[in-house]
Amino acid sequence: MPKKYRVTLTAEEREELDRLLSRGKADVRCLKHAQMLLKADEAEGGPGWSDARIADAVDADVATIERLRQRFVEEGLQAALRTYRTGTRLYERKLDG
């Protein structure tokens, strides 16, 4: 089955991810997402691994990689690296303080 969301990184995005990984001073989820994106890269010279192969390599679930691909395609690199989703609540807080 062809992938619905194809990750194609630019040279600048690839360099940014490599820098992030070599520095190693980021949230663990952020670093893992960077590894996944680099392995999923289907651009010229990218490895273009399958989701199952990436899942085995980085010890993650296939569904996580599918969601990461979707977020990268729809929202961009920074959204894909963000560890927690930010946004407005659909409901009011019941407790405060």
N, C-alpha and C. Protein backbone atom coordinates (compact mmCIF):
# COMPACT_ATOMS: atom_id res chain seq x y z
N MET A 1 0.84 -1.18 0.00
CA MET A 1 0.00 0.00 0.00
C MET A 1 0.89 1.25 0.00
N PRO A 2 0.68 2.17 -0.93
CA PRO A 2 1.51 3.38 -0.94
C PRO A 2 1.21 4.26 0.26
N LYS A 3 2.25 4.95 0.70
CA LYS A 3 2.09 5.82 1.86
C LYS A 3 1.29 7.05 1.48
N LYS A 4 0.40 7.45 2.36
CA LYS A 4 -0.42 8.63 2.12
C LYS A 4 0.39 9.90 2.35
N TYR A 5 1.26 9.87 3.35
CA TYR A 5 2.08 11.04 3.70
C TYR A 5 3.54 10.69 3.45
N ARG A 6 4.15 11.37 2.49
CA ARG A 6 5.55 11.12 2.14
C ARG A 6 6.43 12.20 2.74
N VAL A 7 7.45 11.78 3.47
CA VAL A 7 8.38 12.72 4.08
C VAL A 7 9.50 12.99 3.09
N THR A 8 9.62 14.22 2.63
CA THR A 8 10.73 14.64 1.78
C THR A 8 11.37 15.86 2.42
N LEU A 9 12.54 15.66 2.98
CA LEU A 9 13.25 16.72 3.69
C LEU A 9 14.12 17.53 2.73
N THR A 10 14.20 18.82 2.95
CA THR A 10 15.13 19.65 2.20
C THR A 10 16.52 19.49 2.83
N ALA A 11 17.53 19.98 2.15
CA ALA A 11 18.89 19.89 2.69
C ALA A 11 19.00 20.65 4.01
N GLU A 12 18.31 21.80 4.11
CA GLU A 12 18.36 22.59 5.34
C GLU A 12 17.70 21.85 6.49
N GLU A 13 16.55 21.21 6.21
CA GLU A 13 15.85 20.44 7.25
C GLU A 13 16.70 19.26 7.72
N ARG A 14 17.35 18.60 6.77
CA ARG A 14 18.21 17.47 7.11
C ARG A 14 19.37 17.92 7.99
N GLU A 15 19.99 19.06 7.64
CA GLU A 15 21.09 19.60 8.44
C GLU A 15 20.62 19.96 9.84
N GLU A 16 19.43 20.56 9.94
CA GLU A 16 18.89 20.94 11.25
C GLU A 16 18.68 19.70 12.12
N LEU A 17 18.14 18.64 11.53
CA LEU A 17 17.91 17.40 12.30
C LEU A 17 19.23 16.76 12.71
N ASP A 18 20.21 16.76 11.81
CA ASP A 18 21.53 16.22 12.14
C ASP A 18 22.18 17.00 13.27
N ARG A 19 22.05 18.34 13.21
CA ARG A 19 22.61 19.19 14.28
C ARG A 19 21.95 18.89 15.61
N LEU A 20 20.63 18.76 15.57
CA LEU A 20 19.87 18.47 16.78
C LEU A 20 20.32 17.15 17.41
N LEU A 21 20.50 16.13 16.56
CA LEU A 21 20.91 14.81 17.06
C LEU A 21 22.36 14.82 17.55
N SER A 22 23.24 15.52 16.86
CA SER A 22 24.64 15.52 17.28
C SER A 22 24.83 16.28 18.58
N ARG A 23 24.01 17.33 18.78
CA ARG A 23 24.09 18.09 20.02
C ARG A 23 23.54 17.26 21.19
N GLY A 24 22.42 16.57 20.95
CA GLY A 24 21.85 15.69 21.96
C GLY A 24 21.26 16.38 23.16
N LYS A 25 21.04 17.69 23.08
CA LYS A 25 20.54 18.44 24.23
C LYS A 25 19.09 18.84 24.00
N ALA A 26 18.24 17.87 23.80
CA ALA A 26 16.82 18.16 23.58
C ALA A 26 16.01 17.08 24.28
N ASP A 27 14.71 17.29 24.33
CA ASP A 27 13.81 16.31 24.90
C ASP A 27 13.96 14.98 24.16
N VAL A 28 13.85 13.88 24.87
CA VAL A 28 14.04 12.56 24.27
C VAL A 28 13.05 12.32 23.13
N ARG A 29 11.82 12.76 23.29
CA ARG A 29 10.83 12.57 22.23
C ARG A 29 11.21 13.36 20.98
N CYS A 30 11.72 14.55 21.20
CA CYS A 30 12.15 15.39 20.08
C CYS A 30 13.28 14.70 19.31
N LEU A 31 14.25 14.14 20.02
CA LEU A 31 15.36 13.44 19.39
C LEU A 31 14.87 12.20 18.64
N LYS A 32 13.93 11.47 19.24
CA LYS A 32 13.39 10.27 18.58
C LYS A 32 12.63 10.65 17.31
N HIS A 33 11.87 11.72 17.37
CA HIS A 33 11.13 12.17 16.19
C HIS A 33 12.10 12.59 15.08
N ALA A 34 13.22 13.22 15.47
CA ALA A 34 14.23 13.61 14.49
C ALA A 34 14.82 12.37 13.82
N GLN A 35 15.11 11.34 14.61
CA GLN A 35 15.63 10.08 14.04
C GLN A 35 14.62 9.47 13.07
N MET A 36 13.35 9.45 13.47
CA MET A 36 12.31 8.86 12.63
C MET A 36 12.19 9.61 11.31
N LEU A 37 12.20 10.94 11.37
CA LEU A 37 12.07 11.73 10.15
C LEU A 37 13.25 11.52 9.21
N LEU A 38 14.46 11.43 9.76
CA LEU A 38 15.63 11.21 8.92
C LEU A 38 15.56 9.85 8.22
N LYS A 39 15.08 8.84 8.93
CA LYS A 39 14.99 7.50 8.33
C LYS A 39 13.83 7.41 7.34
N ALA A 40 12.79 8.21 7.53
CA ALA A 40 11.62 8.18 6.64
C ALA A 40 11.81 9.05 5.41
N ASP A 41 12.89 9.84 5.36
CA ASP A 41 13.11 10.79 4.28
C ASP A 41 13.17 10.08 2.92
N GLU A 42 12.28 10.47 2.01
CA GLU A 42 12.23 9.87 0.68
C GLU A 42 12.77 10.80 -0.39
N ALA A 43 13.41 11.89 0.02
CA ALA A 43 14.00 12.81 -0.94
C ALA A 43 15.26 12.18 -1.55
N GLU A 44 15.82 12.84 -2.53
CA GLU A 44 17.04 12.37 -3.19
C GLU A 44 18.14 12.14 -2.15
N GLY A 45 18.66 10.93 -2.08
CA GLY A 45 19.72 10.61 -1.13
C GLY A 45 19.23 10.21 0.25
N GLY A 46 17.93 10.23 0.47
CA GLY A 46 17.38 9.83 1.77
C GLY A 46 17.16 8.33 1.81
N PRO A 47 17.17 7.73 3.00
CA PRO A 47 17.02 6.27 3.09
C PRO A 47 15.62 5.77 2.72
N GLY A 48 14.57 6.51 3.04
CA GLY A 48 13.21 6.10 2.68
C GLY A 48 12.78 4.77 3.27
N TRP A 49 13.08 4.57 4.54
CA TRP A 49 12.71 3.31 5.20
C TRP A 49 11.20 3.18 5.33
N SER A 50 10.74 1.94 5.45
CA SER A 50 9.32 1.68 5.70
C SER A 50 9.01 1.96 7.17
N ASP A 51 7.73 2.17 7.47
CA ASP A 51 7.33 2.45 8.85
C ASP A 51 7.70 1.31 9.79
N ALA A 52 7.52 0.07 9.32
CA ALA A 52 7.83 -1.10 10.16
C ALA A 52 9.33 -1.16 10.48
N ARG A 53 10.16 -0.86 9.49
CA ARG A 53 11.61 -0.90 9.70
C ARG A 53 12.04 0.21 10.66
N ILE A 54 11.45 1.40 10.52
CA ILE A 54 11.76 2.51 11.44
C ILE A 54 11.32 2.15 12.85
N ALA A 55 10.13 1.54 12.97
CA ALA A 55 9.60 1.16 14.28
C ALA A 55 10.56 0.20 14.99
N ASP A 56 11.12 -0.76 14.25
CA ASP A 56 12.09 -1.69 14.84
C ASP A 56 13.37 -0.97 15.25
N ALA A 57 13.82 -0.05 14.40
CA ALA A 57 15.10 0.62 14.65
C ALA A 57 15.06 1.55 15.86
N VAL A 58 13.98 2.29 16.02
CA VAL A 58 13.93 3.28 17.10
C VAL A 58 13.02 2.86 18.25
N ASP A 59 12.55 1.63 18.22
CA ASP A 59 11.72 1.07 19.28
C ASP A 59 10.47 1.93 19.51
N ALA A 60 9.70 2.09 18.44
CA ALA A 60 8.45 2.86 18.51
C ALA A 60 7.35 2.06 17.82
N ASP A 61 6.14 2.54 17.92
CA ASP A 61 5.01 1.87 17.29
C ASP A 61 4.81 2.43 15.88
N VAL A 62 4.32 1.60 14.97
CA VAL A 62 4.09 2.02 13.59
C VAL A 62 3.10 3.19 13.54
N ALA A 63 2.08 3.16 14.39
CA ALA A 63 1.08 4.23 14.41
C ALA A 63 1.72 5.57 14.78
N THR A 64 2.71 5.56 15.65
CA THR A 64 3.41 6.78 16.03
C THR A 64 4.12 7.38 14.82
N ILE A 65 4.73 6.53 14.03
CA ILE A 65 5.45 7.00 12.85
C ILE A 65 4.48 7.53 11.81
N GLU A 66 3.33 6.87 11.67
CA GLU A 66 2.31 7.34 10.73
C GLU A 66 1.81 8.73 11.14
N ARG A 67 1.57 8.93 12.44
CA ARG A 67 1.11 10.23 12.92
C ARG A 67 2.18 11.30 12.73
N LEU A 68 3.44 10.91 12.95
CA LEU A 68 4.55 11.85 12.77
C LEU A 68 4.66 12.27 11.31
N ARG A 69 4.54 11.33 10.39
CA ARG A 69 4.56 11.65 8.96
C ARG A 69 3.44 12.63 8.63
N GLN A 70 2.24 12.36 9.13
CA GLN A 70 1.10 13.21 8.84
C GLN A 70 1.33 14.62 9.38
N ARG A 71 1.82 14.73 10.62
CA ARG A 71 2.05 16.03 11.22
C ARG A 71 3.13 16.80 10.46
N PHE A 72 4.17 16.09 10.00
CA PHE A 72 5.23 16.75 9.23
C PHE A 72 4.68 17.30 7.92
N VAL A 73 3.89 16.51 7.21
CA VAL A 73 3.36 16.95 5.91
C VAL A 73 2.35 18.08 6.08
N GLU A 74 1.48 17.99 7.06
CA GLU A 74 0.42 18.98 7.23
C GLU A 74 0.86 20.25 7.93
N GLU A 75 1.76 20.12 8.92
CA GLU A 75 2.09 21.28 9.76
C GLU A 75 3.54 21.72 9.70
N GLY A 76 4.44 20.90 9.15
CA GLY A 76 5.83 21.30 9.00
C GLY A 76 6.77 20.66 10.02
N LEU A 77 8.05 20.97 9.86
CA LEU A 77 9.10 20.33 10.67
C LEU A 77 8.99 20.68 12.15
N GLN A 78 8.78 21.96 12.47
CA GLN A 78 8.74 22.35 13.88
C GLN A 78 7.58 21.69 14.61
N ALA A 79 6.44 21.55 13.94
CA ALA A 79 5.29 20.88 14.56
C ALA A 79 5.59 19.40 14.78
N ALA A 80 6.32 18.79 13.86
CA ALA A 80 6.65 17.38 14.00
C ALA A 80 7.63 17.14 15.15
N LEU A 81 8.49 18.11 15.41
CA LEU A 81 9.47 17.96 16.49
C LEU A 81 8.92 18.36 17.85
N ARG A 82 7.84 19.13 17.86
CA ARG A 82 7.24 19.55 19.13
C ARG A 82 6.83 18.30 19.91
N THR A 83 7.18 18.28 21.17
CA THR A 83 6.90 17.08 21.96
C THR A 83 5.46 17.00 22.42
N TYR A 84 4.87 18.13 22.72
CA TYR A 84 3.49 18.11 23.19
C TYR A 84 2.66 19.01 22.31
N ARG A 85 1.46 18.60 22.03
CA ARG A 85 0.58 19.42 21.21
C ARG A 85 0.12 20.62 22.01
N THR A 86 0.12 21.75 21.38
CA THR A 86 -0.39 22.95 22.03
C THR A 86 -1.60 23.43 21.25
N GLY A 87 -2.50 24.04 21.93
CA GLY A 87 -3.69 24.53 21.25
C GLY A 87 -4.73 24.98 22.25
N THR A 88 -5.86 25.35 21.75
CA THR A 88 -6.91 25.80 22.64
C THR A 88 -7.73 24.61 23.12
N ARG A 89 -8.20 24.73 24.31
CA ARG A 89 -9.02 23.66 24.89
C ARG A 89 -10.41 23.69 24.28
N LEU A 90 -11.01 22.53 24.18
CA LEU A 90 -12.37 22.44 23.68
C LEU A 90 -13.39 22.64 24.80
N TYR A 91 -12.88 22.67 26.03
CA TYR A 91 -13.76 22.79 27.19
C TYR A 91 -13.08 23.70 28.21
N GLU A 92 -13.86 24.24 29.10
CA GLU A 92 -13.33 25.08 30.17
C GLU A 92 -12.71 24.22 31.27
N ARG A 93 -11.69 24.74 31.91
CA ARG A 93 -11.12 24.03 33.06
C ARG A 93 -12.13 23.99 34.18
N LYS A 94 -12.23 22.86 34.83
CA LYS A 94 -13.16 22.76 35.95
C LYS A 94 -12.50 23.16 37.27
N LEU A 95 -11.18 22.92 37.34
CA LEU A 95 -10.45 23.27 38.55
C LEU A 95 -9.43 24.33 38.22
N ASP A 96 -9.21 25.21 39.13
CA ASP A 96 -8.12 26.16 38.97
C ASP A 96 -7.45 26.32 40.32
N GLY A 97 -6.23 26.76 40.27
CA GLY A 97 -5.56 27.01 41.53
C GLY A 97 -4.56 26.02 41.81
